[in-house]
Protein backbone atom coordinates (compact mmCIF):
# COMPACT_ATOMS: atom_id res chain seq x y z
CA MET A 1 -15.40 -13.15 -12.08
CA LYS A 2 -12.43 -11.15 -13.33
CA SER A 3 -10.01 -9.49 -10.93
CA ARG A 4 -9.58 -5.72 -11.01
CA SER A 5 -6.17 -6.26 -12.63
CA GLU A 6 -7.85 -8.19 -15.45
CA LEU A 7 -10.56 -5.55 -15.71
CA ARG A 8 -7.90 -2.83 -16.11
CA VAL A 9 -6.75 -4.65 -19.26
CA SER A 10 -10.33 -4.34 -20.54
CA ILE A 11 -10.42 -0.64 -19.60
CA MET A 12 -7.12 -0.11 -21.43
CA THR A 13 -8.60 -1.82 -24.51
CA ILE A 14 -11.77 0.29 -24.35
CA LEU A 15 -9.79 3.54 -24.04
CA TYR A 16 -7.53 2.42 -26.91
CA GLN A 17 -10.57 1.84 -29.13
CA ILE A 18 -12.19 5.15 -28.18
CA ASN A 19 -8.94 6.98 -28.93
CA MET A 20 -8.79 5.29 -32.36
CA TYR A 21 -12.38 6.31 -33.09
CA LYS A 22 -11.61 9.91 -32.09
CA LYS A 23 -8.40 10.09 -34.16
CA ASN A 24 -10.23 8.73 -37.21
CA LYS A 25 -13.31 10.88 -36.59
CA ILE A 26 -15.58 7.84 -36.32
CA ASP A 27 -18.81 8.16 -34.33
CA TYR A 28 -19.08 5.78 -31.39
CA ASN A 29 -21.19 5.06 -28.34
CA VAL A 30 -19.20 4.51 -25.13
CA ASP A 31 -21.60 1.86 -23.83
CA ASP A 32 -21.32 -0.08 -27.11
CA VAL A 33 -17.51 0.01 -26.96
CA ILE A 34 -17.64 -1.25 -23.36
CA LYS A 35 -20.04 -4.09 -24.35
CA GLU A 36 -17.71 -5.13 -27.20
CA VAL A 37 -14.87 -5.65 -24.70
CA VAL A 38 -16.59 -6.70 -21.46
CA GLU A 39 -19.21 -9.41 -21.87
CA VAL A 40 -20.73 -8.91 -18.40
CA ASP A 41 -21.95 -5.54 -17.13
CA ASN A 42 -19.28 -4.32 -14.72
CA GLU A 43 -19.56 -1.22 -12.52
CA PHE A 44 -15.78 -0.84 -12.01
CA VAL A 45 -15.19 -0.78 -15.78
CA LYS A 46 -18.05 1.66 -16.45
CA GLU A 47 -17.10 4.01 -13.59
CA THR A 48 -13.45 4.05 -14.63
CA VAL A 49 -14.09 4.55 -18.36
CA TYR A 50 -16.69 7.27 -17.81
CA GLY A 51 -14.52 8.85 -15.10
CA ILE A 52 -11.54 9.06 -17.44
CA ILE A 53 -13.69 10.48 -20.24
CA THR A 54 -15.24 13.02 -17.85
CA HIS A 55 -11.88 14.14 -16.44
CA GLU A 56 -9.81 13.60 -19.61
CA LYS A 57 -8.81 17.25 -20.00
CA ASP A 58 -7.56 17.48 -16.39
CA ILE A 59 -5.89 14.05 -16.56
CA ASP A 60 -4.07 14.95 -19.77
CA GLU A 61 -3.01 18.36 -18.40
CA LEU A 62 -1.60 16.66 -15.31
CA ALA A 63 0.23 14.09 -17.45
CA ASN A 64 1.71 16.83 -19.64
CA LYS A 65 2.88 18.72 -16.55
CA TYR A 66 5.11 15.77 -15.61
CA LEU A 67 6.03 14.37 -19.04
CA ASP A 68 9.46 15.96 -19.47
CA GLY A 69 9.57 17.43 -22.97
CA TRP A 70 6.70 15.21 -24.07
CA ASN A 71 2.97 15.48 -24.57
CA ILE A 72 0.48 12.72 -23.77
CA ASP A 73 -0.83 12.86 -27.34
CA ARG A 74 2.62 11.79 -28.58
CA LEU A 75 2.33 8.52 -26.66
CA GLY A 76 1.02 5.41 -28.36
CA ASN A 77 -2.66 4.67 -27.74
CA THR A 78 -1.87 1.82 -25.34
CA ASP A 79 0.65 3.86 -23.33
CA LYS A 80 -1.75 6.82 -23.19
CA ALA A 81 -4.56 4.57 -21.92
CA ILE A 82 -2.35 3.05 -19.21
CA LEU A 83 -1.18 6.48 -18.03
CA GLU A 84 -4.75 7.83 -18.00
CA ILE A 85 -5.95 4.87 -15.92
CA GLY A 86 -3.12 5.39 -13.42
CA ILE A 87 -3.72 9.12 -13.11
CA TYR A 88 -7.49 8.71 -12.86
CA GLU A 89 -7.19 6.13 -10.11
CA LEU A 90 -4.64 8.23 -8.19
CA MET A 91 -6.65 11.44 -8.39
CA TYR A 92 -10.31 10.38 -8.41
CA THR A 93 -10.69 7.03 -6.61
CA ASP A 94 -10.18 5.53 -3.17
CA THR A 95 -7.81 2.89 -4.56
CA PRO A 96 -4.64 2.98 -2.42
CA ASN A 97 -1.94 5.07 -4.13
CA ILE A 98 0.59 2.25 -4.21
CA VAL A 99 -1.97 0.00 -5.92
CA CYS A 100 -2.76 2.67 -8.56
CA ILE A 101 0.91 3.01 -9.47
CA ASN A 102 1.68 -0.71 -9.25
CA GLU A 103 -1.28 -1.66 -11.47
CA ALA A 104 -0.26 0.89 -14.14
CA VAL A 105 3.35 -0.31 -14.03
CA GLU A 106 2.25 -3.96 -14.30
CA LEU A 107 0.06 -3.10 -17.32
CA SER A 108 2.97 -1.29 -18.93
CA LYS A 109 5.27 -4.29 -18.31
CA SER A 110 2.89 -6.38 -20.41
CA TYR A 111 1.92 -3.86 -23.09
CA SER A 112 4.68 -1.23 -23.36
CA ASP A 113 8.42 -1.22 -23.73
CA ASP A 114 10.82 -0.69 -20.82
CA SER A 115 11.41 3.02 -21.42
CA VAL A 116 7.66 3.71 -21.45
CA ARG A 117 7.20 1.65 -18.28
CA LYS A 118 9.81 3.80 -16.54
CA MET A 119 8.20 6.99 -17.85
CA ILE A 120 4.74 5.94 -16.63
CA ASN A 121 6.16 5.01 -13.23
CA GLY A 122 8.01 8.34 -13.04
CA VAL A 123 4.98 10.45 -14.00
CA LEU A 124 2.71 8.68 -11.51
CA ASP A 125 5.34 8.98 -8.78
CA LYS A 126 5.71 12.74 -9.43
CA ILE A 127 1.92 13.18 -9.34
CA LEU A 128 1.76 11.25 -6.05
CA HIS A 129 4.48 13.36 -4.44
CA ASN A 130 3.61 16.76 -5.94
CA GLU A 131 -0.18 16.69 -6.25
CA ILE A 132 -1.42 14.28 -3.56
CA ASN A 133 1.19 14.24 -0.78
CA GLU A 134 1.84 17.98 -0.79
């Protein structure tokens, strides 16, 4: 059985693929994209992917609020997916805040460059302090 950290890599991949389909105006079925990436039915993956899709507008607005002079749509697909996972987990799940931020930062260490890792960490930290711990 995969750990949640490993499953977040799958979620990142699924969100990346969905974003590519959207950008290229290709029809897709979310469940099919999930099945392509995750061989075993997994509730955590499904809940997170559908949660991010459901709250995407709010997640992206929150990201844009704290991306200094940037817009989430300017980020690469991988970086956007990592940031959306972090924000979704912070705002909509019971995952401890420190775990949400740490998991996103660890993903970005593996899949993004150092400046993006710092940006993701900074945005999530600002959301934690300004939106959650008000």
